[in-house]
Structure formats: C-alpha cells, structure tokens
Amino acid sequence: MKSFHVFVATTALLLFSPMAFGESYVGKYCELDGAETENGVEVTGECYMYSEEYGELEGAMTEDGESVSGECYRYSEDYAELDGAETDGGESVSGDCYFYAQ
C-alpha cells in the first residue's frame, strides 16, 4: 500500500510540474536578429526572459556603440519581437529575437 501512495505522489508531481506543460522560457535568452534603429543602424545583443512572455534587453548595442534598452515580447516558441526598445539617444529600435539552445 505504501508503494501505491509513493506512485500516486510521484505521478501527481510529474503531471503538475512546469515541464509537463511545455518548455519554460523564464531564464532563457534570445539573440537579436535583423534588429535595427529607425535610421537603419544594426543592433546586436540578447534579450533575457524574466517571464514566459516578456524579457529585457541585455548588452544590446548599435554598430556605432550606442546602448539600447527595452523589452521583447515572445510570440511563439521560436522568437520574440522587440517592444519599446530605443537607443540612449531616444531613437526607436525594431526587430526580432530568436531563441537558441542552451
């Protein structure tokens, strides 16, 4: 009888763990791809996911060396889009961010 209770408890734990419902994005990075300022200057860097849907840019910079801040919003399993991103000078930045294996 004791082994039955252990089996039920283990099964319940596995069924209700986050991994049972799919991959978690919290703590993952996505890499900017095709991101650029409104004037066409390339932007490189990453976005760190602090929730399942939103992340914050880390180490993002223009090819001219200007820092970029903002967020990214995950739309699918593969990518996120920049949201409210801009350079230190206030220039708008748009583009995508793709998740890579860790």
C-alpha atoms as a PDB file:
ATOM      1  CA  MET A   1       0.000   0.000   0.000  1.00  0.00           C
ATOM      2  CA  LYS A   2       2.865   2.367   0.790  1.00  0.00           C
ATOM      3  CA  SER A   3       4.347   1.901  -2.703  1.00  0.00           C
ATOM      4  CA  PHE A   4       0.958   2.803  -4.207  1.00  0.00           C
ATOM      5  CA  HIS A   5       0.982   6.134  -2.306  1.00  0.00           C
ATOM      6  CA  VAL A   6       4.538   6.842  -3.475  1.00  0.00           C
ATOM      7  CA  PHE A   7       3.474   6.058  -7.060  1.00  0.00           C
ATOM      8  CA  VAL A   8       0.458   8.395  -6.833  1.00  0.00           C
ATOM      9  CA  ALA A   9       2.529  11.199  -5.271  1.00  0.00           C
ATOM     10  CA  THR A  10       5.274  10.855  -7.894  1.00  0.00           C
ATOM     11  CA  THR A  11       2.768  10.787 -10.748  1.00  0.00           C
ATOM     12  CA  ALA A  12       0.994  13.883  -9.423  1.00  0.00           C
ATOM     13  CA  LEU A  13       4.307  15.710  -9.073  1.00  0.00           C
ATOM     14  CA  LEU A  14       5.253  14.903 -12.660  1.00  0.00           C
ATOM     15  CA  LEU A  15       1.851  15.834 -14.043  1.00  0.00           C
ATOM     16  CA  PHE A  16       1.787  19.224 -12.388  1.00  0.00           C
ATOM     17  CA  SER A  17       5.413  20.225 -12.943  1.00  0.00           C
ATOM     18  CA  PRO A  18       6.052  23.110 -15.393  1.00  0.00           C
ATOM     19  CA  MET A  19       7.910  20.821 -17.779  1.00  0.00           C
ATOM     20  CA  ALA A  20       4.806  18.658 -18.214  1.00  0.00           C
ATOM     21  CA  PHE A  21       3.077  21.618 -19.855  1.00  0.00           C
ATOM     22  CA  GLY A  22       5.934  22.508 -22.197  1.00  0.00           C
ATOM     23  CA  GLU A  23       9.202  24.356 -22.159  1.00  0.00           C
ATOM     24  CA  SER A  24       9.651  27.238 -19.737  1.00  0.00           C
ATOM     25  CA  TYR A  25      11.154  30.444 -21.135  1.00  0.00           C
ATOM     26  CA  VAL A  26      11.981  32.084 -17.805  1.00  0.00           C
ATOM     27  CA  GLY A  27      15.743  32.493 -17.570  1.00  0.00           C
ATOM     28  CA  LYS A  28      16.371  31.838 -21.273  1.00  0.00           C
ATOM     29  CA  TYR A  29      17.989  34.171 -23.764  1.00  0.00           C
ATOM     30  CA  CYS A  30      17.091  35.032 -27.308  1.00  0.00           C
ATOM     31  CA  GLU A  31      19.526  36.618 -29.739  1.00  0.00           C
ATOM     32  CA  LEU A  32      18.652  39.718 -31.740  1.00  0.00           C
ATOM     33  CA  ASP A  33      18.421  39.080 -35.468  1.00  0.00           C
ATOM     34  CA  GLY A  34      17.665  41.792 -38.006  1.00  0.00           C
ATOM     35  CA  ALA A  35      17.227  44.423 -35.310  1.00  0.00           C
ATOM     36  CA  GLU A  36      17.906  47.997 -36.369  1.00  0.00           C
ATOM     37  CA  THR A  37      17.245  51.585 -35.476  1.00  0.00           C
ATOM     38  CA  GLU A  38      14.709  53.688 -37.384  1.00  0.00           C
ATOM     39  CA  ASN A  39      17.675  55.021 -39.411  1.00  0.00           C
ATOM     40  CA  GLY A  40      18.823  51.512 -40.396  1.00  0.00           C
ATOM     41  CA  VAL A  41      21.753  51.108 -37.966  1.00  0.00           C
ATOM     42  CA  GLU A  42      22.258  47.441 -36.989  1.00  0.00           C
ATOM     43  CA  VAL A  43      21.636  46.426 -33.364  1.00  0.00           C
ATOM     44  CA  THR A  44      23.111  43.309 -31.743  1.00  0.00           C
ATOM     45  CA  GLY A  45      22.625  41.751 -28.306  1.00  0.00           C
ATOM     46  CA  GLU A  46      20.310  39.468 -26.371  1.00  0.00           C
ATOM     47  CA  CYS A  47      17.045  39.528 -24.503  1.00  0.00           C
ATOM     48  CA  TYR A  48      16.780  37.800 -21.105  1.00  0.00           C
ATOM     49  CA  MET A  49      13.323  36.355 -20.420  1.00  0.00           C
ATOM     50  CA  TYR A  50      12.103  37.255 -16.926  1.00  0.00           C
ATOM     51  CA  SER A  51       8.642  35.758 -17.548  1.00  0.00           C
ATOM     52  CA  GLU A  52       7.038  33.404 -20.050  1.00  0.00           C
ATOM     53  CA  GLU A  53       6.154  36.315 -22.340  1.00  0.00           C
ATOM     54  CA  TYR A  54       8.439  39.259 -21.556  1.00  0.00           C
ATOM     55  CA  GLY A  55      12.167  39.778 -21.439  1.00  0.00           C
ATOM     56  CA  GLU A  56      14.605  42.656 -21.112  1.00  0.00           C
ATOM     57  CA  LEU A  57      17.429  43.575 -23.469  1.00  0.00           C
ATOM     58  CA  GLU A  58      20.926  42.828 -22.162  1.00  0.00           C
ATOM     59  CA  GLY A  59      24.116  44.041 -23.778  1.00  0.00           C
ATOM     60  CA  ALA A  60      22.253  45.410 -26.790  1.00  0.00           C
ATOM     61  CA  MET A  61      24.215  47.987 -28.772  1.00  0.00           C
ATOM     62  CA  THR A  62      24.136  49.651 -32.143  1.00  0.00           C
ATOM     63  CA  GLU A  63      27.030  49.106 -34.544  1.00  0.00           C
ATOM     64  CA  ASP A  64      28.057  52.674 -33.568  1.00  0.00           C
ATOM     65  CA  GLY A  65      28.421  51.610 -29.904  1.00  0.00           C
ATOM     66  CA  GLU A  66      25.261  53.260 -28.540  1.00  0.00           C
ATOM     67  CA  SER A  67      23.417  51.312 -25.825  1.00  0.00           C
ATOM     68  CA  VAL A  68      19.893  50.045 -26.486  1.00  0.00           C
ATOM     69  CA  SER A  69      17.301  49.325 -23.802  1.00  0.00           C
ATOM     70  CA  GLY A  70      13.795  47.931 -23.909  1.00  0.00           C
ATOM     71  CA  GLU A  71      11.860  44.698 -23.772  1.00  0.00           C
ATOM     72  CA  CYS A  72      10.966  41.811 -26.012  1.00  0.00           C
ATOM     73  CA  TYR A  73       7.626  40.017 -26.189  1.00  0.00           C
ATOM     74  CA  ARG A  74       7.503  36.298 -27.051  1.00  0.00           C
ATOM     75  CA  TYR A  75       5.031  35.485 -29.824  1.00  0.00           C
ATOM     76  CA  SER A  76       5.930  31.842 -30.471  1.00  0.00           C
ATOM     77  CA  GLU A  77       8.220  29.017 -29.403  1.00  0.00           C
ATOM     78  CA  ASP A  78      10.953  30.307 -31.690  1.00  0.00           C
ATOM     79  CA  TYR A  79      11.029  34.071 -31.454  1.00  0.00           C
ATOM     80  CA  ALA A  80      10.157  37.306 -29.720  1.00  0.00           C
ATOM     81  CA  GLU A  81       9.808  40.850 -31.041  1.00  0.00           C
ATOM     82  CA  LEU A  82      11.317  43.987 -29.584  1.00  0.00           C
ATOM     83  CA  ASP A  83       8.854  46.077 -27.601  1.00  0.00           C
ATOM     84  CA  GLY A  84       9.531  49.685 -26.648  1.00  0.00           C
ATOM     85  CA  ALA A  85      13.223  49.398 -27.484  1.00  0.00           C
ATOM     86  CA  GLU A  86      15.229  52.553 -28.069  1.00  0.00           C
ATOM     87  CA  THR A  87      18.781  53.847 -28.088  1.00  0.00           C
ATOM     88  CA  ASP A  88      20.196  56.091 -25.364  1.00  0.00           C
ATOM     89  CA  GLY A  89      19.532  58.957 -27.774  1.00  0.00           C
ATOM     90  CA  GLY A  90      15.823  58.059 -27.995  1.00  0.00           C
ATOM     91  CA  GLU A  91      15.855  56.514 -31.475  1.00  0.00           C
ATOM     92  CA  SER A  92      13.319  53.706 -31.904  1.00  0.00           C
ATOM     93  CA  VAL A  93      14.616  50.152 -32.461  1.00  0.00           C
ATOM     94  CA  SER A  94      12.670  47.264 -34.014  1.00  0.00           C
ATOM     95  CA  GLY A  95      13.457  43.673 -34.866  1.00  0.00           C
ATOM     96  CA  ASP A  96      13.197  40.047 -33.832  1.00  0.00           C
ATOM     97  CA  CYS A  97      14.905  37.893 -31.256  1.00  0.00           C
ATOM     98  CA  TYR A  98      15.383  34.134 -31.754  1.00  0.00           C
ATOM     99  CA  PHE A  99      15.785  31.540 -29.007  1.00  0.00           C
ATOM    100  CA  TYR A 100      18.803  29.282 -29.143  1.00  0.00           C
ATOM    101  CA  ALA A 101      19.563  26.024 -27.333  1.00  0.00           C
ATOM    102  CA  GLN A 102      21.369  26.247 -24.019  1.00  0.00           C
END
